[in-house]
Amino acid sequence: MTLVIDVRLRIRDLREDNDLTQQEVAAYLHCDQSLYSKYERGERDLPLDYFIKLGQYYQVSLDYLAGLTDDKTIKGQ
């Protein structure tokens, strides 16, 4: 199975769709903006705890965040 979209593009698109800066998202994750920028550019792998936090922050399923589906819905909600 091919990924619909990779994580770096998904987190960038979610940030932009929510009119947020990298600095604002980095502050939520308690990391530097320069580090967060590397996640969006694919220069660093997004740690699992940040992955989960971003799913909660944007209120999207982790499958959506990972690019496994285009359905943002969190099952069970």
N, C-alpha and C. Protein backbone atom coordinates (compact mmCIF):
# COMPACT_ATOMS: atom_id res chain seq x y z
N MET A 1 0.84 -1.18 0.00
CA MET A 1 0.00 0.00 0.00
C MET A 1 0.89 1.25 0.00
N THR A 2 0.59 2.17 -0.87
CA THR A 2 1.35 3.41 -0.97
C THR A 2 0.72 4.47 -0.08
N LEU A 3 1.56 5.24 0.62
CA LEU A 3 1.05 6.33 1.44
C LEU A 3 0.41 7.39 0.55
N VAL A 4 -0.72 7.93 1.00
CA VAL A 4 -1.40 8.99 0.27
C VAL A 4 -0.51 10.23 0.22
N ILE A 5 0.08 10.57 1.33
CA ILE A 5 0.93 11.75 1.46
C ILE A 5 1.86 11.49 2.64
N ASP A 6 3.04 12.05 2.62
CA ASP A 6 3.92 11.77 3.75
C ASP A 6 3.70 12.77 4.89
N VAL A 7 4.20 12.40 6.04
CA VAL A 7 3.95 13.15 7.27
C VAL A 7 4.40 14.59 7.15
N ARG A 8 5.55 14.83 6.55
CA ARG A 8 6.07 16.20 6.49
C ARG A 8 5.12 17.12 5.74
N LEU A 9 4.53 16.63 4.66
CA LEU A 9 3.57 17.46 3.92
C LEU A 9 2.28 17.63 4.70
N ARG A 10 1.88 16.58 5.38
CA ARG A 10 0.62 16.63 6.13
C ARG A 10 0.72 17.64 7.28
N ILE A 11 1.83 17.63 8.03
CA ILE A 11 1.91 18.56 9.16
C ILE A 11 2.06 20.00 8.67
N ARG A 12 2.73 20.19 7.54
CA ARG A 12 2.83 21.54 6.99
C ARG A 12 1.46 22.04 6.53
N ASP A 13 0.73 21.19 5.81
CA ASP A 13 -0.59 21.58 5.32
C ASP A 13 -1.55 21.87 6.47
N LEU A 14 -1.52 21.05 7.51
CA LEU A 14 -2.39 21.29 8.66
C LEU A 14 -2.05 22.62 9.33
N ARG A 15 -0.77 22.89 9.48
CA ARG A 15 -0.35 24.15 10.09
C ARG A 15 -0.82 25.33 9.26
N GLU A 16 -0.59 25.26 7.96
CA GLU A 16 -0.99 26.36 7.09
C GLU A 16 -2.50 26.52 7.03
N ASP A 17 -3.24 25.41 6.98
CA ASP A 17 -4.71 25.46 6.95
C ASP A 17 -5.28 26.11 8.20
N ASN A 18 -4.53 26.01 9.31
CA ASN A 18 -4.97 26.60 10.57
C ASN A 18 -4.33 27.97 10.83
N ASP A 19 -3.71 28.52 9.80
CA ASP A 19 -3.08 29.85 9.87
C ASP A 19 -2.13 29.98 11.07
N LEU A 20 -1.29 28.97 11.24
CA LEU A 20 -0.32 28.96 12.33
C LEU A 20 1.08 29.11 11.78
N THR A 21 1.95 29.67 12.58
CA THR A 21 3.36 29.75 12.21
C THR A 21 4.09 28.52 12.75
N GLN A 22 5.26 28.27 12.21
CA GLN A 22 6.08 27.19 12.76
C GLN A 22 6.39 27.47 14.22
N GLN A 23 6.61 28.73 14.55
CA GLN A 23 6.92 29.11 15.93
C GLN A 23 5.78 28.73 16.87
N GLU A 24 4.54 28.96 16.45
CA GLU A 24 3.39 28.64 17.30
C GLU A 24 3.27 27.13 17.54
N VAL A 25 3.48 26.35 16.49
CA VAL A 25 3.39 24.89 16.65
C VAL A 25 4.57 24.39 17.48
N ALA A 26 5.74 24.93 17.25
CA ALA A 26 6.92 24.55 18.03
C ALA A 26 6.71 24.86 19.51
N ALA A 27 6.11 26.00 19.81
CA ALA A 27 5.84 26.35 21.21
C ALA A 27 4.89 25.34 21.84
N TYR A 28 3.89 24.89 21.09
CA TYR A 28 2.96 23.87 21.60
C TYR A 28 3.70 22.57 21.91
N LEU A 29 4.66 22.23 21.04
CA LEU A 29 5.42 20.99 21.22
C LEU A 29 6.58 21.14 22.20
N HIS A 30 6.84 22.38 22.63
CA HIS A 30 7.97 22.67 23.51
C HIS A 30 9.31 22.32 22.86
N CYS A 31 9.44 22.77 21.60
CA CYS A 31 10.71 22.60 20.90
C CYS A 31 11.04 23.89 20.16
N ASP A 32 12.24 23.99 19.63
CA ASP A 32 12.66 25.16 18.87
C ASP A 32 11.99 25.17 17.50
N GLN A 33 11.76 26.37 16.99
CA GLN A 33 11.19 26.51 15.65
C GLN A 33 12.09 25.87 14.61
N SER A 34 13.40 25.99 14.78
CA SER A 34 14.34 25.42 13.81
C SER A 34 14.22 23.89 13.77
N LEU A 35 13.99 23.27 14.90
CA LEU A 35 13.80 21.82 14.95
C LEU A 35 12.48 21.45 14.28
N TYR A 36 11.42 22.18 14.59
CA TYR A 36 10.13 21.89 13.98
C TYR A 36 10.21 22.04 12.45
N SER A 37 10.94 23.04 12.00
CA SER A 37 11.12 23.25 10.57
C SER A 37 11.76 22.02 9.91
N LYS A 38 12.69 21.39 10.61
CA LYS A 38 13.33 20.18 10.08
C LYS A 38 12.34 19.04 9.95
N TYR A 39 11.35 18.96 10.84
CA TYR A 39 10.31 17.94 10.72
C TYR A 39 9.50 18.18 9.46
N GLU A 40 9.14 19.44 9.20
CA GLU A 40 8.35 19.76 8.02
C GLU A 40 9.13 19.54 6.73
N ARG A 41 10.43 19.72 6.76
CA ARG A 41 11.26 19.53 5.57
C ARG A 41 11.70 18.08 5.41
N GLY A 42 11.40 17.24 6.38
CA GLY A 42 11.78 15.84 6.31
C GLY A 42 13.23 15.58 6.63
N GLU A 43 13.89 16.57 7.25
CA GLU A 43 15.29 16.40 7.62
C GLU A 43 15.47 15.64 8.92
N ARG A 44 14.42 15.59 9.71
CA ARG A 44 14.41 14.84 10.97
C ARG A 44 13.10 14.07 11.04
N ASP A 45 13.14 12.88 11.62
CA ASP A 45 11.91 12.11 11.83
C ASP A 45 11.14 12.71 12.99
N LEU A 46 9.84 12.79 12.85
CA LEU A 46 8.96 13.31 13.89
C LEU A 46 8.84 12.26 14.99
N PRO A 47 9.24 12.58 16.22
CA PRO A 47 9.12 11.62 17.32
C PRO A 47 7.66 11.24 17.58
N LEU A 48 7.46 10.03 18.03
CA LEU A 48 6.11 9.53 18.26
C LEU A 48 5.31 10.42 19.20
N ASP A 49 5.91 10.93 20.26
CA ASP A 49 5.15 11.77 21.19
C ASP A 49 4.70 13.07 20.51
N TYR A 50 5.51 13.63 19.64
CA TYR A 50 5.10 14.83 18.89
C TYR A 50 4.01 14.48 17.88
N PHE A 51 4.15 13.33 17.26
CA PHE A 51 3.15 12.84 16.30
C PHE A 51 1.77 12.77 16.97
N ILE A 52 1.73 12.18 18.16
CA ILE A 52 0.48 12.05 18.91
C ILE A 52 -0.04 13.43 19.33
N LYS A 53 0.85 14.28 19.83
CA LYS A 53 0.44 15.63 20.24
C LYS A 53 -0.15 16.42 19.08
N LEU A 54 0.45 16.30 17.90
CA LEU A 54 -0.07 17.03 16.74
C LEU A 54 -1.43 16.50 16.31
N GLY A 55 -1.63 15.20 16.41
CA GLY A 55 -2.95 14.64 16.12
C GLY A 55 -4.00 15.20 17.05
N GLN A 56 -3.65 15.31 18.33
CA GLN A 56 -4.58 15.89 19.30
C GLN A 56 -4.78 17.38 19.05
N TYR A 57 -3.71 18.08 18.75
CA TYR A 57 -3.76 19.52 18.53
C TYR A 57 -4.69 19.88 17.37
N TYR A 58 -4.53 19.15 16.26
CA TYR A 58 -5.34 19.42 15.08
C TYR A 58 -6.65 18.63 15.07
N GLN A 59 -6.84 17.78 16.07
CA GLN A 59 -8.04 16.94 16.20
C GLN A 59 -8.27 16.10 14.94
N VAL A 60 -7.21 15.41 14.55
CA VAL A 60 -7.27 14.51 13.40
C VAL A 60 -6.77 13.13 13.83
N SER A 61 -7.18 12.12 13.09
CA SER A 61 -6.72 10.77 13.41
C SER A 61 -5.24 10.63 13.08
N LEU A 62 -4.60 9.71 13.76
CA LEU A 62 -3.19 9.46 13.49
C LEU A 62 -3.00 8.83 12.12
N ASP A 63 -3.99 8.07 11.65
CA ASP A 63 -3.93 7.53 10.29
C ASP A 63 -3.92 8.66 9.27
N TYR A 64 -4.71 9.70 9.53
CA TYR A 64 -4.72 10.86 8.64
C TYR A 64 -3.37 11.57 8.68
N LEU A 65 -2.86 11.77 9.87
CA LEU A 65 -1.59 12.45 10.03
C LEU A 65 -0.46 11.68 9.34
N ALA A 66 -0.52 10.37 9.38
CA ALA A 66 0.50 9.53 8.75
C ALA A 66 0.32 9.41 7.25
N GLY A 67 -0.80 9.92 6.73
CA GLY A 67 -1.05 9.85 5.30
C GLY A 67 -1.63 8.52 4.86
N LEU A 68 -2.16 7.74 5.79
CA LEU A 68 -2.74 6.44 5.44
C LEU A 68 -4.18 6.56 4.95
N THR A 69 -4.79 7.71 5.24
CA THR A 69 -6.17 7.96 4.81
C THR A 69 -6.35 9.45 4.62
N ASP A 70 -7.37 9.81 3.88
CA ASP A 70 -7.72 11.22 3.75
C ASP A 70 -8.87 11.59 4.67
N ASP A 71 -9.31 10.64 5.50
CA ASP A 71 -10.38 10.85 6.47
C ASP A 71 -9.78 11.36 7.77
N LYS A 72 -10.12 12.61 8.13
CA LYS A 72 -9.57 13.22 9.34
C LYS A 72 -10.24 12.72 10.62
N THR A 73 -11.37 12.05 10.49
CA THR A 73 -12.19 11.65 11.63
C THR A 73 -11.45 10.73 12.58
N ILE A 74 -11.56 11.04 13.85
CA ILE A 74 -11.03 10.16 14.89
C ILE A 74 -12.14 9.17 15.22
N LYS A 75 -11.90 7.91 15.00
CA LYS A 75 -12.92 6.88 15.24
C LYS A 75 -13.27 6.82 16.72
N GLY A 76 -14.56 6.64 16.98
CA GLY A 76 -15.02 6.55 18.36
C GLY A 76 -15.44 7.88 18.94
N GLN A 77 -15.39 8.93 18.12
CA GLN A 77 -15.82 10.24 18.63
C GLN A 77 -17.07 10.67 17.93
